[in-house]
Structure formats: C-alpha cells, structure tokens
Amino acid sequence: MKPSSSRSFALICLAAALEASPVHAINLGISYASASGEMPAAFRTAIKQYTQEKERVNALVTDAQSDSLREMEGIQNFIAVKVDAMIVAPVDSMSTQKITSMAKKAGIPLVLLDASFNETGSLRRVSTVGAGENRPGVVQMREVCRLMGGSGNVVVLTEDPVKSAARERMQEVEEVVSKA
C-alpha cells in the first residue's frame, strides 16, 4: 500500500470513528489483530502522523498479537478508560458480534477493519471499512482466468481463514471458477 493511500485509509477510519464523537479532546482506542506486516505498519504510521497534527486527538493502541483473549482484554480496557471511539482490526471475525455488542453497550462508536458483522438492531454507531463492494476475489480470479485463457490448474494461497475477509475472497474465487 502506498503511503498516500494508507494515510487516506487511516483518515477514513478516523472520520468514521469520530463522526458521533463530542467536540472535546478525542481519545481513540485502536486494536490491531497483529501489528506486524505492511498494512498495520502503514496504518500505524498514518495514525501517528494524524494524531501529531491534531492536538485534540489521542490514540491508545494495542496489539492483540493474534490472540483473541488479548484482543478482548484490550477492548475491555478501552471501555474502562472510556475512549470516545474504537477502531478494531479483529483477530477472529467470529468475535465481531461480541466486540460490537460491547461497544454498543458502552455507547462507544466502533469501526471494524476488514471484517463484517451480523449484529441486529441499531447499528448507527458501528461502521466497517474494507474491500466490500470491490469484491477482490472476483477481480483477481477473473484476471487469472483471462491470463490463463480460461483453462488450467490454479493454486490459491489465502490469509488466515478465521478472518471473514479471507473467507469471502475465497468464496468469490470459487464463484468465478464455477462459472469458467
């Protein structure tokens, strides 16, 4: 991801998180599934730059280190210190319902990164940021089919299958292959 696009991504997340927040100094709780890797590093840099530019924005950042229990502890800490908004890249997409419920109960706006949720009721204070409408699995597989002339063998390497985005991309790949 280019620095300018990672900065834009971070600003979109911040805007979504701050939309329902009050005018006083803003305290954000940001939880990474894992702080290692290109995307989290770019996002962390963009957040740091943004909070340095904005005097009234502070970020409390946790790294779940791919541990769901550690992630929940971090979110509970955000709630205990009463952050104004949370941005969470969940370790396991199966936990998004619990995270959403916790945020709603605490009255804290929540932005989920690259994850979906199935929570019912008022979602006014919950946003998601991810590939969504772009359907990356469809785009990538159509291009592979085009390059291979519509036939051949393909091996698909995927991310951690507990992440909803990885599962959705794989379903999209299978959808394109079934029609090829």
Protein backbone atom coordinates (compact mmCIF):
# COMPACT_ATOMS: atom_id res chain seq x y z
CA MET A 1 0.00 0.00 0.00
CA LYS A 2 1.38 3.41 -0.94
CA PRO A 3 1.89 5.92 1.90
CA SER A 4 -0.75 8.27 0.47
CA SER A 5 -3.34 5.50 0.21
CA SER A 6 -2.57 4.23 3.73
CA ARG A 7 -2.97 7.79 5.02
CA SER A 8 -6.30 8.06 3.19
CA PHE A 9 -7.38 4.72 4.66
CA ALA A 10 -6.45 5.88 8.16
CA LEU A 11 -8.31 9.15 7.68
CA ILE A 12 -11.43 7.31 6.51
CA CYS A 13 -11.27 5.14 9.63
CA LEU A 14 -10.75 8.16 11.85
CA ALA A 15 -13.62 10.05 10.23
CA ALA A 16 -15.93 7.08 10.72
CA ALA A 17 -14.86 6.73 14.35
CA LEU A 18 -15.16 10.43 15.13
CA GLU A 19 -18.49 11.01 13.37
CA ALA A 20 -20.56 10.58 16.52
CA SER A 21 -17.94 11.84 18.99
CA PRO A 22 -18.18 15.00 21.08
CA VAL A 23 -16.22 18.22 20.49
CA HIS A 24 -13.74 17.83 23.40
CA ALA A 25 -10.36 16.10 23.04
CA ILE A 26 -10.85 12.78 21.31
CA ASN A 27 -9.40 9.59 22.76
CA LEU A 28 -9.31 6.69 20.31
CA GLY A 29 -8.82 3.03 21.18
CA ILE A 30 -7.12 1.23 18.30
CA SER A 31 -6.68 -2.54 18.36
CA TYR A 32 -4.65 -4.43 15.77
CA ALA A 33 -5.05 -8.18 15.30
CA SER A 34 -1.29 -8.11 14.79
CA ALA A 35 0.92 -5.06 14.47
CA SER A 36 3.37 -6.89 12.20
CA GLY A 37 3.09 -6.65 8.46
CA GLU A 38 2.97 -3.94 5.81
CA MET A 39 -0.65 -2.83 6.22
CA PRO A 40 -0.63 -2.45 10.02
CA ALA A 41 2.72 -0.62 9.83
CA ALA A 42 1.39 1.80 7.21
CA PHE A 43 -1.82 2.33 9.18
CA ARG A 44 0.11 2.85 12.44
CA THR A 45 2.36 5.44 10.77
CA ALA A 46 -0.65 7.29 9.32
CA ILE A 47 -2.44 7.29 12.69
CA LYS A 48 0.70 8.57 14.44
CA GLN A 49 1.10 11.39 11.90
CA TYR A 50 -2.58 12.30 12.15
CA THR A 51 -2.58 12.42 15.96
CA GLN A 52 0.57 14.56 15.93
CA GLU A 53 -1.12 17.01 13.54
CA LYS A 54 -4.35 17.17 15.55
CA GLU A 55 -3.79 18.43 19.07
CA ARG A 56 -7.13 17.18 20.31
CA VAL A 57 -6.79 13.57 19.07
CA ASN A 58 -5.03 10.95 21.20
CA ALA A 59 -4.62 7.26 20.35
CA LEU A 60 -4.39 4.35 22.78
CA VAL A 61 -3.05 1.47 20.68
CA THR A 62 -2.96 -2.25 21.46
CA ASP A 63 -1.51 -5.19 19.55
CA ALA A 64 -3.52 -8.37 20.14
CA GLN A 65 -0.61 -10.43 18.75
CA SER A 66 -3.15 -12.71 17.00
CA ASP A 67 -4.64 -13.66 20.38
CA SER A 68 -8.43 -13.26 20.73
CA LEU A 69 -8.26 -13.19 24.53
CA ARG A 70 -5.64 -10.41 24.46
CA GLU A 71 -7.82 -8.53 21.97
CA MET A 72 -10.87 -8.73 24.28
CA GLU A 73 -8.76 -7.53 27.22
CA GLY A 74 -7.65 -4.54 25.16
CA ILE A 75 -11.23 -3.70 24.20
CA GLN A 76 -12.35 -4.05 27.82
CA ASN A 77 -9.56 -1.63 28.75
CA PHE A 78 -10.72 0.86 26.10
CA ILE A 79 -14.22 0.69 27.58
CA ALA A 80 -12.90 1.05 31.15
CA VAL A 81 -10.95 4.21 30.29
CA LYS A 82 -13.96 5.48 28.30
CA VAL A 83 -12.38 6.09 24.90
CA ASP A 84 -14.53 8.19 22.58
CA ALA A 85 -14.32 5.71 19.69
CA MET A 86 -12.70 2.38 18.83
CA ILE A 87 -11.06 1.14 15.64
CA VAL A 88 -10.63 -2.63 15.69
CA ALA A 89 -8.98 -5.00 13.22
CA PRO A 90 -10.28 -8.21 14.80
CA VAL A 91 -8.14 -11.29 15.31
CA ASP A 92 -11.08 -13.57 14.54
CA SER A 93 -14.10 -12.39 12.58
CA MET A 94 -16.24 -14.67 14.73
CA SER A 95 -15.61 -12.24 17.62
CA THR A 96 -17.05 -9.20 15.81
CA GLN A 97 -20.53 -9.78 17.25
CA LYS A 98 -19.15 -9.72 20.82
CA ILE A 99 -16.97 -6.67 20.08
CA THR A 100 -19.94 -4.87 18.51
CA SER A 101 -22.17 -5.73 21.45
CA MET A 102 -19.57 -4.50 23.96
CA ALA A 103 -19.12 -1.21 22.08
CA LYS A 104 -22.86 -0.65 21.75
CA LYS A 105 -23.45 -1.40 25.45
CA ALA A 106 -20.72 1.11 26.38
CA GLY A 107 -22.09 3.69 23.90
CA ILE A 108 -18.76 3.85 22.07
CA PRO A 109 -18.68 4.28 18.26
CA LEU A 110 -16.88 1.38 16.60
CA VAL A 111 -15.10 0.94 13.28
CA LEU A 112 -14.32 -2.65 12.26
CA LEU A 113 -11.47 -3.03 9.77
CA ASP A 114 -11.67 -5.66 7.06
CA ALA A 115 -14.40 -7.56 8.90
CA SER A 116 -18.13 -7.96 8.68
CA PHE A 117 -20.66 -8.31 11.46
CA ASN A 118 -24.10 -9.84 11.81
CA GLU A 119 -25.41 -7.77 14.71
CA THR A 120 -29.10 -6.91 14.61
CA GLY A 121 -30.73 -3.78 15.96
CA SER A 122 -29.39 -0.25 15.79
CA LEU A 123 -26.02 -0.10 14.03
CA ARG A 124 -25.90 3.67 13.98
CA ARG A 125 -22.59 3.75 15.85
CA VAL A 126 -20.89 0.84 14.04
CA SER A 127 -19.05 1.15 10.73
CA THR A 128 -16.92 -1.21 8.69
CA VAL A 129 -14.01 -0.36 6.44
CA GLY A 130 -12.79 -2.98 3.99
CA ALA A 131 -12.93 -4.22 0.43
CA GLY A 132 -16.73 -4.56 0.43
CA GLU A 133 -18.24 -3.74 -2.95
CA ASN A 134 -14.98 -4.21 -4.84
CA ARG A 135 -15.17 -8.00 -4.42
CA PRO A 136 -11.40 -8.58 -4.66
CA GLY A 137 -11.74 -12.36 -5.09
CA VAL A 138 -13.85 -11.85 -8.21
CA VAL A 139 -11.45 -9.28 -9.63
CA GLN A 140 -8.34 -11.39 -9.01
CA MET A 141 -9.83 -14.64 -10.30
CA ARG A 142 -11.27 -13.08 -13.45
CA GLU A 143 -7.81 -11.75 -14.24
CA VAL A 144 -6.21 -15.15 -13.58
CA CYS A 145 -8.80 -16.79 -15.88
CA ARG A 146 -8.12 -14.19 -18.57
CA LEU A 147 -4.36 -14.67 -18.34
CA MET A 148 -4.71 -18.46 -18.48
CA GLY A 149 -7.13 -18.43 -21.38
CA GLY A 150 -9.94 -19.89 -19.28
CA SER A 151 -8.28 -23.26 -18.54
CA GLY A 152 -5.53 -24.73 -16.40
CA ASN A 153 -4.74 -25.52 -12.79
CA VAL A 154 -4.59 -22.85 -10.12
CA VAL A 155 -3.41 -22.90 -6.52
CA VAL A 156 -4.92 -20.22 -4.28
CA LEU A 157 -2.95 -19.03 -1.27
CA THR A 158 -5.12 -17.32 1.30
CA GLU A 159 -4.88 -15.50 4.58
CA ASP A 160 -5.97 -16.87 7.92
CA PRO A 161 -9.39 -18.50 7.27
CA VAL A 162 -10.81 -17.23 10.57
CA LYS A 163 -10.90 -13.75 9.04
CA SER A 164 -14.17 -13.01 7.30
CA ALA A 165 -12.45 -11.09 4.51
CA ALA A 166 -10.28 -14.13 3.67
CA ARG A 167 -13.31 -16.45 3.63
CA GLU A 168 -15.30 -14.02 1.49
CA ARG A 169 -12.45 -13.68 -1.04
CA MET A 170 -12.18 -17.47 -1.28
CA GLN A 171 -15.94 -17.77 -1.88
CA GLU A 172 -15.63 -15.15 -4.62
CA VAL A 173 -12.76 -17.07 -6.23
CA GLU A 174 -14.83 -20.29 -6.15
CA GLU A 175 -17.81 -18.42 -7.63
CA VAL A 176 -15.75 -17.29 -10.65
CA VAL A 177 -14.17 -20.74 -11.12
CA SER A 178 -17.60 -22.43 -11.07
CA LYS A 179 -18.71 -20.23 -13.99
CA ALA A 180 -15.49 -20.57 -16.01
